[in-house]
Amino acid sequence: MDPRLGLVGTILIAILGGGVAAFAGMPAAWLSGAMIAVTAASLAGWDTRLPPRLVDFAYLLIGTALGCGVTPELLSGALAWPLSLLGLAITVAAVIVAVRVFLTRVAGWDRDTAFFSAVPGALSFVLAMASESDADIRKVATSQSIRVFLLVAVLPGLIVAVETDPPLPAVVPEGSLAHTVLMIVAAAVVGLLFRRLGVPSGLLTGSFMASALLHGSGLVSGAPPAPLVVLAFVLLGALVGSRFAGTSLRFVAGILAASIGAFLVATAIAGLMAVGVARIIGVPIDQAIVAYAPGGLDAMMSLSLALNMDTAFVAAHQFARFAGIAIALPFVVPKRRIAIRVDTSGKED
């Protein structure tokens, strides 16, 4: 098969999968839908490999978009809840440790795979970093997807029966063309610098930090155009799906029990910490539970609005968790566990 035909076909399959998922209202629709569709294509024997430059472009856009959640308003709001944010940091660390222990000692997973599968949230960032480690990205992607699915499916019912509301507008509005260009240029410069310095997932990490600094300082505002962000998630979903060649339903069934167990461990820790913090600082327990939820930022924001919660409180905590993971993750993964190798697609791993 002509590689160009394979690439065009893969992207079209990814877009179709993401579009169907978005129409169905799935969380992280363009990422998860593209991943599922390309996974199916991989299992069917389609050449789904992506060229390295296209993958780099996706990482650059994703990192830039992730940093848009860091705004002066959220930074100011975070200062009003120091104890709650401290509790959140402890919760995230506890979840990672506990789930990793569960997956290694109970489920028998290797350390790298268990570690990345234990990180509660920042799915695109985790998958990008996992793809550059010795982790089994199939297990990481599948277990993380199961966690988000269960979280979104179970949490609303545990709090209250909520009627379906119209989709929320983007949390961060689209920025001007000038701000978008500045964000992407700064992200590219810092990302390439981080890669040159050997920072794990340097392009993704650097682009996120550059965008976060620009937004947090108030120098720019708004997110990149939605089509660019959607394209980035479609490409990352296609990248993850291209790693599933040879995977069968038996594989999914084989990790389902471990993934559900990891979900129960994570939600139990997050729920207990949320209840404790809520009693100490005097916020509603259900609001704290949504704020402390281990992942599903977009779904948790929708739930907080539907339940008339303090959306600023929920947003500050969800973005703090997301940003904290994105900033800290590259530096808590020992560099000796990051292997640089070239696969058949030419992408650095």
Protein backbone atom coordinates (compact mmCIF):
# COMPACT_ATOMS: atom_id res chain seq x y z
CA MET A 1 0.00 0.00 0.00
CA ASP A 2 1.18 3.52 -0.83
CA PRO A 3 2.21 5.13 2.52
CA ARG A 4 0.44 8.34 1.52
CA LEU A 5 -2.78 6.43 0.95
CA GLY A 6 -2.37 4.78 4.32
CA LEU A 7 -1.83 8.15 6.02
CA VAL A 8 -4.84 9.79 4.38
CA GLY A 9 -6.97 6.79 5.21
CA THR A 10 -5.81 6.78 8.82
CA ILE A 11 -6.60 10.48 9.30
CA LEU A 12 -10.03 10.09 7.69
CA ILE A 13 -10.77 7.10 9.90
CA ALA A 14 -9.65 9.07 12.97
CA ILE A 15 -11.81 12.08 12.04
CA LEU A 16 -14.81 9.84 11.43
CA GLY A 17 -14.31 8.10 14.77
CA GLY A 18 -13.94 11.38 16.62
CA GLY A 19 -16.97 12.86 14.90
CA VAL A 20 -19.15 9.89 15.81
CA ALA A 21 -17.94 10.05 19.42
CA ALA A 22 -18.62 13.79 19.58
CA PHE A 23 -22.11 13.30 18.16
CA ALA A 24 -22.73 10.62 20.79
CA GLY A 25 -21.60 13.01 23.54
CA MET A 26 -18.64 10.94 24.73
CA PRO A 27 -16.09 12.62 27.02
CA ALA A 28 -12.80 13.52 25.33
CA ALA A 29 -14.67 12.59 22.16
CA TRP A 30 -12.16 13.54 19.47
CA LEU A 31 -9.31 11.82 21.30
CA SER A 32 -11.13 8.67 22.39
CA GLY A 33 -13.21 8.34 19.22
CA ALA A 34 -10.19 8.68 16.97
CA MET A 35 -8.29 6.20 19.12
CA ILE A 36 -11.07 3.62 18.97
CA ALA A 37 -11.54 3.99 15.21
CA VAL A 38 -7.84 3.74 14.39
CA THR A 39 -7.47 0.83 16.79
CA ALA A 40 -10.14 -1.00 14.82
CA ALA A 41 -8.33 -0.16 11.59
CA SER A 42 -5.06 -1.43 13.06
CA LEU A 43 -6.71 -4.69 14.05
CA ALA A 44 -8.06 -4.97 10.51
CA GLY A 45 -4.55 -4.72 9.08
CA TRP A 46 -4.52 -1.09 7.90
CA ASP A 47 -1.16 0.69 7.91
CA THR A 48 -1.92 3.34 10.55
CA ARG A 49 1.58 4.65 11.23
CA LEU A 50 1.99 8.44 11.42
CA PRO A 51 5.08 10.40 10.28
CA PRO A 52 7.12 11.90 13.16
CA ARG A 53 6.65 15.52 12.02
CA LEU A 54 2.89 15.14 12.10
CA VAL A 55 3.09 13.72 15.62
CA ASP A 56 5.29 16.64 16.70
CA PHE A 57 2.75 19.08 15.28
CA ALA A 58 0.03 17.42 17.33
CA TYR A 59 2.12 17.60 20.51
CA LEU A 60 2.80 21.30 19.90
CA LEU A 61 -0.88 22.11 19.50
CA ILE A 62 -1.93 19.99 22.47
CA GLY A 63 0.65 21.54 24.78
CA THR A 64 -0.40 25.03 23.70
CA ALA A 65 -4.08 24.26 24.29
CA LEU A 66 -3.45 22.70 27.70
CA GLY A 67 -1.70 25.83 28.96
CA CYS A 68 -4.73 27.98 28.12
CA GLY A 69 -6.45 26.86 31.31
CA VAL A 70 -3.92 28.80 33.40
CA THR A 71 -5.47 32.28 33.66
CA PRO A 72 -4.93 35.15 36.13
CA GLU A 73 -8.48 34.64 37.44
CA LEU A 74 -7.87 31.00 38.24
CA LEU A 75 -4.51 31.78 39.83
CA SER A 76 -6.21 34.37 42.05
CA GLY A 77 -8.98 31.95 42.94
CA ALA A 78 -6.48 29.26 43.82
CA LEU A 79 -4.98 31.53 46.46
CA ALA A 80 -8.34 31.56 48.25
CA TRP A 81 -8.34 27.79 48.78
CA PRO A 82 -4.81 26.88 49.93
CA LEU A 83 -5.88 24.09 52.27
CA SER A 84 -8.19 22.54 49.71
CA LEU A 85 -5.53 22.71 47.00
CA LEU A 86 -3.01 21.16 49.38
CA GLY A 87 -5.48 18.37 50.02
CA LEU A 88 -5.86 17.93 46.28
CA ALA A 89 -2.10 17.63 45.81
CA ILE A 90 -1.96 15.00 48.54
CA THR A 91 -4.88 13.20 46.94
CA VAL A 92 -3.26 13.06 43.52
CA ALA A 93 -0.02 11.73 45.00
CA ALA A 94 -1.89 9.18 47.10
CA VAL A 95 -3.92 8.00 44.12
CA ILE A 96 -0.81 7.52 41.98
CA VAL A 97 1.00 5.58 44.71
CA ALA A 98 -1.97 3.44 45.72
CA VAL A 99 -3.10 2.59 42.20
CA ARG A 100 0.46 1.85 41.13
CA VAL A 101 0.88 -0.52 44.08
CA PHE A 102 -2.44 -2.18 43.26
CA LEU A 103 -1.56 -2.66 39.61
CA THR A 104 1.94 -3.98 40.29
CA ARG A 105 1.28 -6.19 43.33
CA VAL A 106 -2.28 -7.32 42.70
CA ALA A 107 -2.61 -7.19 38.92
CA GLY A 108 1.04 -7.99 38.19
CA TRP A 109 1.69 -5.08 35.82
CA ASP A 110 5.19 -3.75 35.20
CA ARG A 111 6.23 -0.55 37.00
CA ASP A 112 6.15 1.84 34.03
CA THR A 113 2.75 0.69 32.80
CA ALA A 114 1.32 0.78 36.32
CA PHE A 115 2.73 4.26 36.93
CA PHE A 116 1.24 5.89 33.84
CA SER A 117 -2.04 4.02 34.31
CA ALA A 118 -2.23 5.39 37.86
CA VAL A 119 -1.96 9.08 36.95
CA PRO A 120 -5.44 10.57 37.56
CA GLY A 121 -6.18 12.74 34.56
CA ALA A 122 -4.36 14.80 31.91
CA LEU A 123 -5.03 11.91 29.55
CA SER A 124 -3.45 13.38 26.42
CA PHE A 125 -0.31 14.35 28.34
CA VAL A 126 -0.04 10.95 30.02
CA LEU A 127 -0.45 9.09 26.74
CA ALA A 128 2.16 11.26 25.06
CA MET A 129 4.68 10.62 27.85
CA ALA A 130 3.84 6.94 28.06
CA SER A 131 4.56 6.63 24.34
CA GLU A 132 8.13 7.76 25.06
CA SER A 133 8.71 5.26 27.87
CA ASP A 134 8.91 1.49 28.20
CA ALA A 135 5.27 1.36 29.32
CA ASP A 136 2.76 -0.80 27.49
CA ILE A 137 0.78 2.05 25.94
CA ARG A 138 -2.04 -0.29 25.01
CA LYS A 139 -2.62 -1.04 28.69
CA VAL A 140 -2.16 2.60 29.68
CA ALA A 141 -4.56 3.92 27.05
CA THR A 142 -7.17 1.25 27.64
CA SER A 143 -7.07 1.41 31.43
CA GLN A 144 -7.18 5.23 31.39
CA SER A 145 -10.11 5.17 28.98
CA ILE A 146 -11.95 2.71 31.22
CA ARG A 147 -11.31 4.99 34.20
CA VAL A 148 -12.73 8.06 32.45
CA PHE A 149 -15.70 6.10 31.18
CA LEU A 150 -16.52 4.75 34.64
CA LEU A 151 -15.97 8.13 36.25
CA VAL A 152 -18.32 9.92 33.90
CA ALA A 153 -20.87 7.10 34.01
CA VAL A 154 -20.90 6.55 37.78
CA LEU A 155 -20.20 9.87 39.50
CA PRO A 156 -23.31 11.80 38.42
CA GLY A 157 -25.55 8.98 39.59
CA LEU A 158 -23.80 8.86 42.95
CA ILE A 159 -24.45 12.55 43.56
CA VAL A 160 -27.93 13.09 42.10
CA ALA A 161 -30.01 12.28 39.04
CA VAL A 162 -29.35 15.17 36.65
CA GLU A 163 -31.30 15.95 33.49
CA THR A 164 -29.33 16.19 30.25
CA ASP A 165 -28.36 19.81 29.60
CA PRO A 166 -27.18 21.46 26.37
CA PRO A 167 -23.41 21.26 25.82
CA LEU A 168 -21.42 23.94 27.59
CA PRO A 169 -19.38 26.46 25.62
CA ALA A 170 -15.61 26.08 25.73
CA VAL A 171 -14.14 26.71 29.18
CA VAL A 172 -11.57 29.01 27.57
CA PRO A 173 -12.89 31.16 24.68
CA GLU A 174 -11.04 31.32 21.40
CA GLY A 175 -8.25 33.89 21.36
CA SER A 176 -7.33 36.43 18.72
CA LEU A 177 -5.18 35.55 15.74
CA ALA A 178 -2.26 37.58 17.14
CA HIS A 179 -2.44 35.81 20.51
CA THR A 180 -2.72 32.43 18.82
CA VAL A 181 0.38 33.06 16.73
CA LEU A 182 2.31 34.27 19.80
CA MET A 183 1.26 31.18 21.76
CA ILE A 184 2.29 28.74 19.06
CA VAL A 185 5.62 30.45 18.34
CA ALA A 186 6.53 30.61 22.03
CA ALA A 187 5.41 27.01 22.51
CA ALA A 188 7.54 25.84 19.59
CA VAL A 189 10.65 27.67 20.84
CA VAL A 190 10.36 26.43 24.42
CA GLY A 191 9.31 22.95 23.31
CA LEU A 192 12.30 22.54 21.02
CA LEU A 193 14.57 23.90 23.76
CA PHE A 194 13.19 21.38 26.26
CA ARG A 195 13.68 18.58 23.74
CA ARG A 196 17.28 19.70 23.15
CA LEU A 197 17.86 19.73 26.93
CA GLY A 198 16.59 16.17 27.19
CA VAL A 199 13.41 16.89 29.15
CA PRO A 200 11.07 13.88 28.78
CA SER A 201 8.35 14.65 26.22
CA GLY A 202 10.19 17.94 25.75
CA LEU A 203 8.06 19.33 22.93
CA LEU A 204 4.81 18.67 24.77
CA THR A 205 6.13 19.79 28.16
CA GLY A 206 7.78 22.93 26.82
CA SER A 207 4.80 24.00 24.75
CA PHE A 208 2.51 23.58 27.75
CA MET A 209 4.76 25.56 30.07
CA ALA A 210 5.20 28.37 27.53
CA SER A 211 1.46 28.65 27.01
CA ALA A 212 0.77 28.44 30.76
CA LEU A 213 3.28 31.23 31.47
CA LEU A 214 1.78 33.49 28.81
CA HIS A 215 -1.76 32.90 30.07
CA GLY A 216 -0.93 32.96 33.78
CA SER A 217 0.86 36.28 33.41
CA GLY A 218 -2.03 37.75 31.43
CA LEU A 219 0.11 38.46 28.37
CA VAL A 220 -2.29 36.49 26.19
CA SER A 221 -5.82 35.21 26.58
CA GLY A 222 -7.96 32.64 24.86
CA ALA A 223 -7.35 29.26 23.30
CA PRO A 224 -6.16 28.32 19.80
CA PRO A 225 -8.94 27.96 17.22
CA ALA A 226 -11.12 24.96 18.01
CA PRO A 227 -10.41 23.19 14.69
CA LEU A 228 -6.68 23.16 15.48
CA VAL A 229 -7.29 21.71 18.93
CA VAL A 230 -9.64 19.10 17.51
CA LEU A 231 -7.05 18.19 14.87
CA ALA A 232 -4.40 17.76 17.56
CA PHE A 233 -6.56 15.38 19.57
CA VAL A 234 -7.53 13.47 16.44
CA LEU A 235 -3.85 13.01 15.58
CA LEU A 236 -2.94 11.91 19.10
CA GLY A 237 -5.87 9.50 19.11
CA ALA A 238 -4.64 8.13 15.79
CA LEU A 239 -1.14 7.78 17.22
CA VAL A 240 -2.39 5.78 20.18
CA GLY A 241 -4.63 3.70 17.96
CA SER A 242 -1.72 2.88 15.68
CA ARG A 243 -0.05 1.13 18.63
CA PHE A 244 -2.90 -1.38 18.95
CA ALA A 245 -1.93 -3.64 16.07
CA GLY A 246 -2.27 -7.23 17.21
CA THR A 247 -4.51 -6.35 20.15
CA SER A 248 -7.65 -8.43 20.56
CA LEU A 249 -10.83 -8.33 22.59
CA ARG A 250 -9.18 -10.94 24.76
CA PHE A 251 -6.58 -8.30 25.66
CA VAL A 252 -9.26 -5.84 26.77
CA ALA A 253 -11.00 -8.53 28.78
CA GLY A 254 -7.68 -9.43 30.32
CA ILE A 255 -7.13 -5.96 31.80
CA LEU A 256 -10.74 -5.06 32.55
CA ALA A 257 -10.75 -6.38 36.11
CA ALA A 258 -7.47 -4.62 36.91
CA SER A 259 -8.73 -1.37 35.40
CA ILE A 260 -11.96 -1.48 37.38
CA GLY A 261 -9.99 -2.21 40.54
CA ALA A 262 -7.71 0.75 39.86
CA PHE A 263 -10.76 2.95 39.32
CA LEU A 264 -12.26 1.88 42.64
CA VAL A 265 -9.00 2.56 44.49
CA ALA A 266 -8.64 6.02 42.92
CA THR A 267 -12.23 7.10 43.48
CA ALA A 268 -12.26 5.82 47.06
CA ILE A 269 -9.19 7.87 47.95
CA ALA A 270 -10.45 10.97 46.13
CA GLY A 271 -13.90 10.66 47.69
CA LEU A 272 -12.62 10.26 51.24
CA MET A 273 -10.25 13.21 50.88
CA ALA A 274 -12.99 15.35 49.35
CA VAL A 275 -15.37 14.63 52.24
CA GLY A 276 -12.67 15.45 54.79
CA VAL A 277 -11.66 18.70 53.13
CA ALA A 278 -15.30 19.73 52.64
CA ARG A 279 -15.96 19.37 56.37
CA ILE A 280 -12.85 21.39 57.25
CA ILE A 281 -13.32 24.34 54.88
CA GLY A 282 -17.11 24.32 54.86
CA VAL A 283 -17.96 23.68 51.23
CA PRO A 284 -20.71 21.30 50.07
CA ILE A 285 -19.54 17.69 50.01
CA ASP A 286 -20.86 17.01 46.51
CA GLN A 287 -19.02 20.09 45.21
CA ALA A 288 -15.77 18.89 46.77
CA ILE A 289 -16.25 15.42 45.30
CA VAL A 290 -16.64 16.85 41.80
CA ALA A 291 -13.63 19.14 42.33
CA TYR A 292 -11.49 16.20 43.53
CA ALA A 293 -12.68 13.77 40.84
CA PRO A 294 -9.63 12.00 39.33
CA GLY A 295 -10.08 13.08 35.73
CA GLY A 296 -12.79 14.07 33.26
CA LEU A 297 -12.34 17.85 33.49
CA ASP A 298 -14.92 18.70 30.84
CA ALA A 299 -17.53 16.36 32.29
CA MET A 300 -16.93 17.57 35.85
CA MET A 301 -17.36 21.19 34.75
CA SER A 302 -20.66 20.29 33.10
CA LEU A 303 -21.82 18.49 36.24
CA SER A 304 -20.89 21.39 38.52
CA LEU A 305 -22.94 23.79 36.40
CA ALA A 306 -25.92 21.44 36.19
CA LEU A 307 -25.94 21.13 39.99
CA ASN A 308 -25.57 24.89 40.55
CA MET A 309 -22.21 24.45 42.25
CA ASP A 310 -19.44 27.02 42.55
CA THR A 311 -17.95 26.42 39.12
CA ALA A 312 -14.93 28.60 39.92
CA PHE A 313 -14.08 26.29 42.84
CA VAL A 314 -14.45 23.18 40.70
CA ALA A 315 -12.55 24.72 37.78
CA ALA A 316 -9.68 25.91 39.97
CA HIS A 317 -9.22 22.44 41.44
CA GLN A 318 -9.64 20.54 38.18
CA PHE A 319 -7.20 22.84 36.38
CA ALA A 320 -4.81 22.70 39.35
CA ARG A 321 -4.82 18.91 39.18
CA PHE A 322 -4.37 18.98 35.43
CA ALA A 323 -1.60 21.59 35.47
CA GLY A 324 0.15 19.99 38.43
CA ILE A 325 0.29 16.65 36.65
CA ALA A 326 1.51 18.20 33.40
CA ILE A 327 4.24 20.17 35.17
CA ALA A 328 5.40 17.53 37.64
CA LEU A 329 5.06 14.33 35.63
CA PRO A 330 8.15 14.76 33.42
CA PHE A 331 10.30 15.37 36.49
CA VAL A 332 9.04 12.49 38.64
CA VAL A 333 9.65 9.89 35.95
CA PRO A 334 13.27 8.72 36.36
CA LYS A 335 15.17 9.45 33.16
CA ARG A 336 16.71 5.99 33.22
CA ARG A 337 13.23 4.66 32.45
CA ILE A 338 12.84 6.83 29.35
CA ALA A 339 14.28 4.94 26.41
CA ILE A 340 14.97 6.69 23.11
CA ARG A 341 14.46 4.36 20.21
CA VAL A 342 13.12 4.59 16.69
CA ASP A 343 10.20 2.44 15.60
CA THR A 344 9.21 1.58 12.07
CA SER A 345 7.37 4.87 11.68
CA GLY A 346 10.49 6.86 12.49
CA LYS A 347 8.96 8.39 15.63
CA GLU A 348 11.23 8.82 18.63
CA ASP A 349 10.08 6.76 21.60
